[in-house]
Structure formats: structure tokens, C-alpha cells
Amino acid sequence: MLKVWFMIYSGIFIAGTVGPMPYNLQVCKIEARAKAEEMKKAIRTGKAHDGRKISKEERQELLDIRYGCIESEVRPERDLPERR
């Protein structure tokens, strides 16, 4: 049976997954768009959603983050290379 997974990407890599989600793919995509808007606002304003100031380095890292949703029977595997 297909399950819905919220995906966090860093560049082309899967940085993480959340799920399975308790709702359908369409609702998940709405959540992903909302999260993307939250990140754009943080980059633009230099403040996180909780009001904390974020550094230039953190803002740069946020530029690589994307969100999405997929349907899969199993949890997609994280494939983000470890930082050295």
C-alpha cells in the first residue's frame, strides 16, 4: 500500500523524510509549499519562524533546501553525504 512521505532535499540529495503522513498527497504538497514559503521568508528577513536571527551562513544553507512529497510503500532512504 502506498504511503505519503514528506521529503526534505538538500540540493539533489534526500536530507530527510517525515512520515508516513496522516493525510493524502495533495495535502502534503500544500504543507510542502507552506514550508518553502517559511524558508523564503527566513532568507529574506534573516529571522527564523520563532524570531531568532539567523546567520549569513545559515541563510546560505537554506537556499539549498527544498520540500516535496512522494508516495511510496517504504520510507525513502536518506542519501545526503556526510559533512567532513
C-alpha atoms as a PDB file:
ATOM      1  CA  MET A   1       0.000   0.000   0.000  1.00  0.00           C
ATOM      2  CA  LEU A   2       1.324   3.438  -0.901  1.00  0.00           C
ATOM      3  CA  LYS A   3       2.050   5.865   1.923  1.00  0.00           C
ATOM      4  CA  VAL A   4       2.707   9.602   1.708  1.00  0.00           C
ATOM      5  CA  TRP A   5       6.149  10.857   2.760  1.00  0.00           C
ATOM      6  CA  PHE A   6       7.186  14.483   3.344  1.00  0.00           C
ATOM      7  CA  MET A   7      10.603  14.924   1.750  1.00  0.00           C
ATOM      8  CA  ILE A   8      13.416  17.307   2.676  1.00  0.00           C
ATOM      9  CA  TYR A   9      16.018  17.773  -0.034  1.00  0.00           C
ATOM     10  CA  SER A  10      19.405  19.461   0.116  1.00  0.00           C
ATOM     11  CA  GLY A  11      20.375  20.127  -3.458  1.00  0.00           C
ATOM     12  CA  ILE A  12      19.769  16.853  -5.288  1.00  0.00           C
ATOM     13  CA  PHE A  13      20.046  14.687  -2.169  1.00  0.00           C
ATOM     14  CA  ILE A  14      17.404  13.395   0.245  1.00  0.00           C
ATOM     15  CA  ALA A  15      18.296  15.087   3.530  1.00  0.00           C
ATOM     16  CA  GLY A  16      15.403  13.592   5.449  1.00  0.00           C
ATOM     17  CA  THR A  17      11.879  12.257   5.417  1.00  0.00           C
ATOM     18  CA  VAL A  18       8.863  12.586   7.679  1.00  0.00           C
ATOM     19  CA  GLY A  19       6.069  10.097   7.700  1.00  0.00           C
ATOM     20  CA  PRO A  20       4.182   8.280   6.756  1.00  0.00           C
ATOM     21  CA  MET A  21       1.913  11.313   6.800  1.00  0.00           C
ATOM     22  CA  PRO A  22      -1.651  11.009   8.131  1.00  0.00           C
ATOM     23  CA  TYR A  23      -3.115  12.728   5.075  1.00  0.00           C
ATOM     24  CA  ASN A  24      -3.143  12.428   1.292  1.00  0.00           C
ATOM     25  CA  LEU A  25      -0.589  13.576  -1.274  1.00  0.00           C
ATOM     26  CA  GLN A  26      -2.424  16.794  -2.144  1.00  0.00           C
ATOM     27  CA  VAL A  27      -2.499  17.978   1.481  1.00  0.00           C
ATOM     28  CA  CYS A  28       1.168  17.047   1.855  1.00  0.00           C
ATOM     29  CA  LYS A  29       2.035  19.197  -1.167  1.00  0.00           C
ATOM     30  CA  ILE A  30       0.209  22.143   0.407  1.00  0.00           C
ATOM     31  CA  GLU A  31       2.287  21.641   3.569  1.00  0.00           C
ATOM     32  CA  ALA A  32       5.489  21.481   1.497  1.00  0.00           C
ATOM     33  CA  ARG A  33       4.639  24.774  -0.245  1.00  0.00           C
ATOM     34  CA  ALA A  34       3.924  26.410   3.123  1.00  0.00           C
ATOM     35  CA  LYS A  35       7.265  25.211   4.491  1.00  0.00           C
ATOM     36  CA  ALA A  36       9.038  26.525   1.374  1.00  0.00           C
ATOM     37  CA  GLU A  37       7.409  29.940   1.875  1.00  0.00           C
ATOM     38  CA  GLU A  38       8.548  29.915   5.504  1.00  0.00           C
ATOM     39  CA  MET A  39      12.133  29.272   4.362  1.00  0.00           C
ATOM     40  CA  LYS A  40      11.954  32.029   1.723  1.00  0.00           C
ATOM     41  CA  LYS A  41      10.775  34.457   4.397  1.00  0.00           C
ATOM     42  CA  ALA A  42      13.644  33.445   6.691  1.00  0.00           C
ATOM     43  CA  ILE A  43      16.144  34.019   3.876  1.00  0.00           C
ATOM     44  CA  ARG A  44      14.574  37.381   3.020  1.00  0.00           C
ATOM     45  CA  THR A  45      14.259  38.694   6.590  1.00  0.00           C
ATOM     46  CA  GLY A  46      17.190  36.962   8.273  1.00  0.00           C
ATOM     47  CA  LYS A  47      14.879  35.655  11.003  1.00  0.00           C
ATOM     48  CA  ALA A  48      13.627  32.152  11.724  1.00  0.00           C
ATOM     49  CA  HIS A  49       9.900  31.492  12.250  1.00  0.00           C
ATOM     50  CA  ASP A  50      10.435  31.844  16.008  1.00  0.00           C
ATOM     51  CA  GLY A  51      12.057  35.288  15.597  1.00  0.00           C
ATOM     52  CA  ARG A  52      15.617  34.065  16.143  1.00  0.00           C
ATOM     53  CA  LYS A  53      18.176  35.859  13.996  1.00  0.00           C
ATOM     54  CA  ILE A  54      19.881  33.543  11.514  1.00  0.00           C
ATOM     55  CA  SER A  55      23.440  33.988  10.322  1.00  0.00           C
ATOM     56  CA  LYS A  56      24.575  34.606   6.758  1.00  0.00           C
ATOM     57  CA  GLU A  57      25.897  31.039   6.687  1.00  0.00           C
ATOM     58  CA  GLU A  58      22.532  29.635   7.798  1.00  0.00           C
ATOM     59  CA  ARG A  59      20.747  31.741   5.197  1.00  0.00           C
ATOM     60  CA  GLN A  60      23.065  30.354   2.522  1.00  0.00           C
ATOM     61  CA  GLU A  61      22.342  26.791   3.634  1.00  0.00           C
ATOM     62  CA  LEU A  62      18.607  27.463   3.422  1.00  0.00           C
ATOM     63  CA  LEU A  63      18.986  28.291  -0.272  1.00  0.00           C
ATOM     64  CA  ASP A  64      19.759  24.603  -0.921  1.00  0.00           C
ATOM     65  CA  ILE A  65      16.749  23.239   0.990  1.00  0.00           C
ATOM     66  CA  ARG A  66      13.631  22.111  -0.884  1.00  0.00           C
ATOM     67  CA  TYR A  67      10.498  20.305   0.249  1.00  0.00           C
ATOM     68  CA  GLY A  68       8.248  17.862  -1.536  1.00  0.00           C
ATOM     69  CA  CYS A  69       6.040  14.839  -1.136  1.00  0.00           C
ATOM     70  CA  ILE A  70       6.012  11.405  -2.682  1.00  0.00           C
ATOM     71  CA  GLU A  71       4.011   8.225  -2.465  1.00  0.00           C
ATOM     72  CA  SER A  72       5.945   5.057  -1.721  1.00  0.00           C
ATOM     73  CA  GLU A  73       5.377   1.768   0.043  1.00  0.00           C
ATOM     74  CA  VAL A  74       8.593   2.216   2.050  1.00  0.00           C
ATOM     75  CA  ARG A  75      10.394   5.171   3.609  1.00  0.00           C
ATOM     76  CA  PRO A  76      12.784   6.726   1.080  1.00  0.00           C
ATOM     77  CA  GLU A  77      16.388   6.440   2.216  1.00  0.00           C
ATOM     78  CA  ARG A  78      18.456   9.450   3.136  1.00  0.00           C
ATOM     79  CA  ASP A  79      21.330   9.856   0.679  1.00  0.00           C
ATOM     80  CA  LEU A  80      22.895  13.120   1.810  1.00  0.00           C
ATOM     81  CA  PRO A  81      26.695  12.733   2.028  1.00  0.00           C
ATOM     82  CA  GLU A  82      28.141  13.263   5.483  1.00  0.00           C
ATOM     83  CA  ARG A  83      29.921  16.566   6.029  1.00  0.00           C
ATOM     84  CA  ARG A  84      33.632  16.357   6.709  1.00  0.00           C
END
